[in-house]
Amino acid sequence: MSEFMDIVFNINNLTATIRMAVPIALAAMGGAFSERSGVVNIGLEGMMLTGAFSGVLACQITGSPWLGVLFAIIGGGLVGAIHAVLTVGLKADHVVTGVGINILASGTTTWLMQVIWKRKGTSDLVAGLATWSVPGLRDVPVLGTILGTHSPLVYISFLLIFLGWVLMFKTPLGLRIRMTGEHPEAADTVGINVRAIRYFCVILSGCLAGLGGAYLSLAQLNWFSKDMSAGRGYMALAACIFGGWNPLKGLGASFLFSFTDAIQMRMQTSKLRIATELVQMIPYILTILILAGAVVRSRPPAALGEHYESGQTSK
């Protein structure tokens, strides 16, 4: 029992939680923007995976990890654009399209990895992003250990999440986004371009998920591996719903998921005699339980998943 408590209440767990929450929180914010506008986005997993692959490929070609990050954002945004064209433009089923994007991203990145690097498992090593050590903060007891030294994408992501919250809840554009997801007919009546808002939000969600993918491949690791997103896109969707489609609350939910992930990683190397397979299931079981509870208790945007054409009613 004491060893289990040492595993849970460990400062290294908190540091790992910060690191592992970033890709989930970024994709969760992307999901919040997409779904606040009325478009269900189950394709976050595929967008994140595409971003991770694009970042490594661009980094290998250019030698610059920052250009890799840029191309990861572009790659995720392009997949987001595909989702937007299919759901907003062609009025395809949102859930089916999202699942299709995830399957397409997994198969395409695996195939391209074999074509480019002649391997099925991992790509070549590339130059990753160096860590930042924040002067002053790193010297603060405890807090400096947890927050003082991380990848620059950690600090950038936290800033982006705060700015995303401001955009969604404190600006006229955010009001238009929320109105589009709640009552597109009313939004259309007052002159808001519902289609343009939805296109913008879905593409933005792809860019944010792609940035989360870049963090996986260029900050946590320095290579791309098959299906390296490992369900984080689905965790992000759960965090988005559990957080009430709010970027800041989604960040809090992402901390919860990543904390359990950090615990299961430490449990695998501990002396506790628990089957590895059961330990690895902990974060995913938590995701399912939280998602099930959140779906029952939360109130999604009223027009979420509904198609809309200007001058017509939702259907």
Protein backbone atom coordinates (compact mmCIF):
# COMPACT_ATOMS: atom_id res chain seq x y z
CA MET A 1 0.00 0.00 0.00
CA SER A 2 2.80 2.42 0.87
CA GLU A 3 4.49 1.75 -2.44
CA PHE A 4 1.25 2.48 -4.29
CA MET A 5 0.91 5.80 -2.42
CA ASP A 6 4.50 6.65 -3.33
CA ILE A 7 3.67 6.02 -6.98
CA VAL A 8 0.57 8.23 -6.93
CA PHE A 9 1.85 11.10 -4.80
CA ASN A 10 5.12 11.69 -6.56
CA ILE A 11 6.43 14.99 -7.90
CA ASN A 12 7.71 13.25 -11.01
CA ASN A 13 4.13 12.24 -11.77
CA LEU A 14 3.09 15.88 -11.77
CA THR A 15 5.92 16.81 -14.12
CA ALA A 16 4.98 13.95 -16.45
CA THR A 17 1.33 15.00 -16.24
CA ILE A 18 2.21 18.44 -17.58
CA ARG A 19 4.13 16.93 -20.49
CA MET A 20 1.53 14.35 -21.44
CA ALA A 21 -1.47 16.68 -21.14
CA VAL A 22 -0.33 18.99 -23.93
CA PRO A 23 -1.37 17.00 -27.05
CA ILE A 24 -4.68 15.99 -25.46
CA ALA A 25 -5.47 19.55 -24.38
CA LEU A 26 -4.64 21.04 -27.79
CA ALA A 27 -6.82 18.54 -29.61
CA ALA A 28 -9.56 19.01 -27.00
CA MET A 29 -9.58 22.75 -27.70
CA GLY A 30 -9.77 21.98 -31.41
CA GLY A 31 -12.74 19.72 -30.72
CA ALA A 32 -14.36 22.47 -28.65
CA PHE A 33 -14.19 24.96 -31.52
CA SER A 34 -15.46 22.44 -34.05
CA GLU A 35 -18.36 21.23 -31.94
CA ARG A 36 -19.28 24.69 -30.66
CA SER A 37 -19.87 25.55 -34.31
CA GLY A 38 -22.07 22.47 -34.74
CA VAL A 39 -19.70 19.93 -36.36
CA VAL A 40 -18.97 16.68 -34.54
CA ASN A 41 -15.26 15.92 -34.77
CA ILE A 42 -14.32 12.32 -34.08
CA GLY A 43 -11.47 12.76 -36.57
CA LEU A 44 -9.16 14.41 -34.01
CA GLU A 45 -7.13 11.19 -33.80
CA GLY A 46 -6.42 11.21 -37.53
CA MET A 47 -5.63 14.93 -37.54
CA MET A 48 -3.16 14.48 -34.69
CA LEU A 49 -1.53 11.50 -36.40
CA THR A 50 -1.21 13.42 -39.67
CA GLY A 51 0.38 16.32 -37.83
CA ALA A 52 2.91 14.03 -36.15
CA PHE A 53 3.87 12.49 -39.49
CA SER A 54 4.00 15.81 -41.38
CA GLY A 55 6.18 17.36 -38.69
CA VAL A 56 8.80 14.60 -38.82
CA LEU A 57 8.85 14.50 -42.62
CA ALA A 58 9.24 18.28 -42.92
CA CYS A 59 11.89 18.30 -40.19
CA GLN A 60 13.91 15.64 -42.01
CA ILE A 61 13.70 17.55 -45.31
CA THR A 62 14.47 21.00 -43.90
CA GLY A 63 16.55 20.12 -40.84
CA SER A 64 14.46 22.54 -38.76
CA PRO A 65 12.12 21.25 -36.05
CA TRP A 66 10.25 24.57 -36.03
CA LEU A 67 9.48 24.20 -39.72
CA GLY A 68 8.38 20.69 -38.82
CA VAL A 69 5.94 22.17 -36.31
CA LEU A 70 4.63 24.56 -38.98
CA PHE A 71 4.04 21.75 -41.47
CA ALA A 72 2.40 19.64 -38.74
CA ILE A 73 -0.11 22.44 -38.23
CA ILE A 74 -0.66 22.67 -41.98
CA GLY A 75 -1.04 18.89 -42.30
CA GLY A 76 -3.60 18.74 -39.52
CA GLY A 77 -5.41 21.74 -41.02
CA LEU A 78 -5.63 20.03 -44.42
CA VAL A 79 -7.24 16.98 -42.85
CA GLY A 80 -9.56 19.34 -40.99
CA ALA A 81 -10.42 20.94 -44.34
CA ILE A 82 -11.32 17.51 -45.74
CA HIS A 83 -13.61 16.93 -42.76
CA ALA A 84 -15.17 20.36 -43.29
CA VAL A 85 -15.79 19.82 -47.01
CA LEU A 86 -17.43 16.46 -46.37
CA THR A 87 -19.58 17.50 -43.41
CA VAL A 88 -20.35 21.16 -44.11
CA GLY A 89 -20.11 21.24 -47.89
CA LEU A 90 -21.38 17.79 -48.87
CA LYS A 91 -23.46 17.21 -45.72
CA ALA A 92 -22.01 13.79 -45.00
CA ASP A 93 -22.64 12.18 -41.62
CA HIS A 94 -20.24 13.77 -39.12
CA VAL A 95 -19.47 10.60 -37.18
CA VAL A 96 -18.93 8.41 -40.22
CA THR A 97 -16.66 11.02 -41.79
CA GLY A 98 -14.60 11.34 -38.60
CA VAL A 99 -14.13 7.59 -38.32
CA GLY A 100 -13.16 7.45 -41.99
CA ILE A 101 -10.55 10.17 -41.46
CA ASN A 102 -9.01 8.24 -38.58
CA ILE A 103 -8.77 5.08 -40.67
CA LEU A 104 -7.41 7.00 -43.66
CA ALA A 105 -4.76 8.76 -41.58
CA SER A 106 -3.60 5.53 -39.96
CA GLY A 107 -3.33 3.66 -43.26
CA THR A 108 -1.80 6.53 -45.23
CA THR A 109 0.89 7.39 -42.69
CA THR A 110 1.84 3.72 -42.32
CA TRP A 111 2.10 3.31 -46.10
CA LEU A 112 4.07 6.53 -46.56
CA MET A 113 6.46 5.50 -43.78
CA GLN A 114 7.24 2.31 -45.67
CA VAL A 115 7.69 4.23 -48.93
CA ILE A 116 9.90 6.97 -47.47
CA TRP A 117 11.84 5.20 -44.71
CA LYS A 118 11.51 1.58 -45.88
CA ARG A 119 10.27 0.54 -42.44
CA LYS A 120 6.87 -0.30 -40.99
CA GLY A 121 7.51 0.64 -37.36
CA THR A 122 9.35 3.94 -37.05
CA SER A 123 10.86 6.71 -39.15
CA ASP A 124 14.44 7.92 -39.04
CA LEU A 125 15.56 10.07 -36.14
CA VAL A 126 15.17 13.82 -36.71
CA ALA A 127 16.23 16.94 -34.84
CA GLY A 128 13.75 17.50 -32.03
CA LEU A 129 12.84 20.66 -30.15
CA ALA A 130 15.21 21.53 -27.33
CA THR A 131 13.78 22.05 -23.85
CA TRP A 132 13.42 25.49 -22.32
CA SER A 133 14.49 26.20 -18.78
CA VAL A 134 12.69 29.30 -17.52
CA PRO A 135 15.01 31.56 -15.47
CA GLY A 136 13.64 32.29 -12.01
CA LEU A 137 10.85 29.74 -12.25
CA ARG A 138 13.22 26.79 -12.41
CA ASP A 139 14.77 27.79 -9.08
CA VAL A 140 11.47 27.84 -7.17
CA PRO A 141 11.18 24.78 -4.89
CA VAL A 142 8.70 22.15 -6.11
CA LEU A 143 7.03 24.50 -8.61
CA GLY A 144 10.30 24.86 -10.50
CA THR A 145 10.62 21.09 -10.75
CA ILE A 146 7.10 20.77 -12.12
CA LEU A 147 6.98 23.79 -14.46
CA GLY A 148 10.53 25.09 -14.80
CA THR A 149 11.91 22.95 -17.64
CA HIS A 150 9.82 21.74 -20.56
CA SER A 151 9.59 21.78 -24.32
CA PRO A 152 8.74 25.26 -25.66
CA LEU A 153 5.53 23.77 -27.04
CA VAL A 154 4.32 23.23 -23.47
CA TYR A 155 4.44 26.95 -22.69
CA ILE A 156 3.15 27.91 -26.14
CA SER A 157 0.25 25.47 -25.79
CA PHE A 158 -0.83 26.81 -22.42
CA LEU A 159 -0.81 30.33 -23.89
CA LEU A 160 -2.81 29.17 -26.91
CA ILE A 161 -5.40 27.48 -24.70
CA PHE A 162 -5.89 30.67 -22.68
CA LEU A 163 -6.18 32.70 -25.90
CA GLY A 164 -8.63 30.12 -27.25
CA TRP A 165 -10.79 30.58 -24.17
CA VAL A 166 -10.68 34.36 -24.63
CA LEU A 167 -11.59 34.00 -28.31
CA MET A 168 -14.52 31.70 -27.62
CA PHE A 169 -16.09 33.51 -24.67
CA LYS A 170 -14.86 37.11 -24.75
CA THR A 171 -14.97 38.18 -28.41
CA PRO A 172 -17.66 38.83 -31.04
CA LEU A 173 -16.25 35.99 -33.18
CA GLY A 174 -16.63 33.59 -30.27
CA LEU A 175 -20.24 34.66 -29.85
CA ARG A 176 -20.86 33.97 -33.54
CA ILE A 177 -19.26 30.53 -33.20
CA ARG A 178 -21.41 29.62 -30.21
CA MET A 179 -24.53 31.01 -31.86
CA THR A 180 -23.83 28.96 -34.98
CA GLY A 181 -23.70 25.78 -32.93
CA GLU A 182 -26.76 26.62 -30.84
CA HIS A 183 -29.14 28.14 -33.39
CA PRO A 184 -27.83 28.37 -36.96
CA GLU A 185 -31.16 29.72 -38.26
CA ALA A 186 -31.00 32.66 -35.88
CA ALA A 187 -27.33 33.21 -36.73
CA ASP A 188 -28.17 33.22 -40.43
CA THR A 189 -31.00 35.66 -39.83
CA VAL A 190 -28.68 38.25 -38.28
CA GLY A 191 -26.19 37.95 -41.14
CA ILE A 192 -23.68 35.39 -39.78
CA ASN A 193 -22.25 33.14 -42.48
CA VAL A 194 -22.88 29.74 -40.89
CA ARG A 195 -20.92 27.78 -43.49
CA ALA A 196 -17.87 30.07 -43.21
CA ILE A 197 -17.88 29.85 -39.41
CA ARG A 198 -18.07 26.07 -39.52
CA TYR A 199 -15.33 25.78 -42.13
CA PHE A 200 -13.10 28.03 -40.02
CA CYS A 201 -13.70 26.12 -36.80
CA VAL A 202 -13.20 22.65 -38.27
CA ILE A 203 -9.99 23.66 -40.04
CA LEU A 204 -8.81 25.34 -36.82
CA SER A 205 -9.51 22.12 -34.94
CA GLY A 206 -7.29 20.27 -37.42
CA CYS A 207 -4.49 22.80 -36.98
CA LEU A 208 -4.62 22.47 -33.19
CA ALA A 209 -4.71 18.67 -33.33
CA GLY A 210 -1.80 18.78 -35.80
CA LEU A 211 0.15 20.91 -33.32
CA GLY A 212 -0.57 18.27 -30.69
CA GLY A 213 0.82 15.67 -33.09
CA ALA A 214 3.96 17.75 -33.60
CA TYR A 215 4.45 17.73 -29.84
CA LEU A 216 4.37 13.93 -29.84
CA SER A 217 6.88 13.50 -32.66
CA LEU A 218 9.18 16.50 -32.23
CA ALA A 219 9.09 17.25 -28.48
CA GLN A 220 8.41 13.98 -26.65
CA LEU A 221 10.19 11.88 -29.28
CA ASN A 222 12.37 12.64 -32.29
CA TRP A 223 10.71 10.28 -34.72
CA PHE A 224 7.37 9.10 -36.04
CA SER A 225 6.02 5.66 -35.21
CA LYS A 226 2.99 3.81 -36.47
CA ASP A 227 -0.25 5.04 -34.84
CA MET A 228 1.78 7.04 -32.32
CA SER A 229 -1.24 9.12 -31.30
CA ALA A 230 -2.35 5.93 -29.50
CA GLY A 231 -5.92 7.01 -28.81
CA ARG A 232 -5.08 10.53 -27.61
CA GLY A 233 -7.50 11.99 -30.13
CA TYR A 234 -10.32 10.02 -28.52
CA MET A 235 -9.12 11.11 -25.09
CA ALA A 236 -9.19 14.69 -26.38
CA LEU A 237 -12.79 14.26 -27.49
CA ALA A 238 -13.66 12.91 -24.04
CA ALA A 239 -11.81 15.84 -22.42
CA CYS A 240 -13.68 18.25 -24.68
CA ILE A 241 -17.08 16.85 -23.67
CA PHE A 242 -16.15 16.44 -20.00
CA GLY A 243 -14.91 20.05 -20.01
CA GLY A 244 -18.20 21.34 -21.39
CA TRP A 245 -16.67 22.42 -24.72
CA ASN A 246 -14.54 24.95 -22.85
CA PRO A 247 -10.77 25.12 -23.64
CA LEU A 248 -9.73 25.77 -20.03
CA LYS A 249 -11.94 23.06 -18.57
CA GLY A 250 -10.75 20.76 -21.34
CA LEU A 251 -7.20 21.42 -20.14
CA GLY A 252 -8.24 20.36 -16.65
CA ALA A 253 -9.76 17.14 -17.99
CA SER A 254 -6.57 16.53 -19.98
CA PHE A 255 -4.56 16.80 -16.76
CA LEU A 256 -6.78 14.11 -15.25
CA PHE A 257 -6.21 11.73 -18.16
CA SER A 258 -2.47 12.37 -18.31
CA PHE A 259 -2.14 11.95 -14.54
CA THR A 260 -3.59 8.44 -14.75
CA ASP A 261 -1.31 7.77 -17.72
CA ALA A 262 1.71 8.86 -15.67
CA ILE A 263 0.63 6.57 -12.83
CA GLN A 264 0.27 3.54 -15.10
CA MET A 265 3.73 4.15 -16.55
CA ARG A 266 5.28 4.21 -13.08
CA MET A 267 3.29 1.16 -12.02
CA GLN A 268 4.80 -0.84 -14.87
CA THR A 269 8.28 -0.29 -13.45
CA SER A 270 7.28 -0.76 -9.82
CA LYS A 271 7.41 -3.88 -7.69
CA LEU A 272 3.63 -4.12 -7.56
CA ARG A 273 2.50 -7.46 -8.94
CA ILE A 274 -0.18 -6.29 -11.32
CA ALA A 275 -0.49 -7.54 -14.88
CA THR A 276 1.03 -5.04 -17.32
CA GLU A 277 -1.97 -5.31 -19.64
CA LEU A 278 -4.33 -4.28 -16.84
CA VAL A 279 -2.13 -1.35 -15.87
CA GLN A 280 -1.94 -0.09 -19.45
CA MET A 281 -5.74 -0.11 -19.66
CA ILE A 282 -6.17 2.42 -16.83
CA PRO A 283 -6.22 5.66 -18.91
CA TYR A 284 -8.56 4.15 -21.52
CA ILE A 285 -10.96 2.77 -18.94
CA LEU A 286 -11.06 6.20 -17.30
CA THR A 287 -11.73 7.78 -20.70
CA ILE A 288 -14.69 5.48 -21.31
CA LEU A 289 -16.15 6.03 -17.85
CA ILE A 290 -15.78 9.81 -17.95
CA LEU A 291 -17.10 10.02 -21.49
CA ALA A 292 -20.13 7.91 -20.58
CA GLY A 293 -20.86 10.07 -17.55
CA ALA A 294 -20.22 13.32 -19.41
CA VAL A 295 -22.54 12.38 -22.29
CA VAL A 296 -25.35 11.72 -19.84
CA ARG A 297 -24.86 14.87 -17.76
CA SER A 298 -23.61 17.46 -20.27
CA ARG A 299 -25.65 19.57 -22.65
CA PRO A 300 -23.99 19.78 -26.07
CA PRO A 301 -24.59 22.66 -28.50
CA ALA A 302 -28.20 22.35 -29.65
CA ALA A 303 -27.37 22.06 -33.37
CA LEU A 304 -24.38 19.74 -32.94
CA GLY A 305 -24.29 17.23 -35.78
CA GLU A 306 -27.07 18.92 -37.75
CA HIS A 307 -26.66 20.08 -41.34
CA TYR A 308 -27.69 23.59 -42.30
CA GLU A 309 -28.16 25.42 -45.57
CA SER A 310 -28.72 29.16 -45.66
CA GLY A 311 -32.40 29.94 -45.81
CA GLN A 312 -33.43 26.44 -44.68
CA THR A 313 -34.09 24.81 -41.33
CA SER A 314 -31.56 22.47 -39.67
CA LYS A 315 -31.91 18.79 -40.39
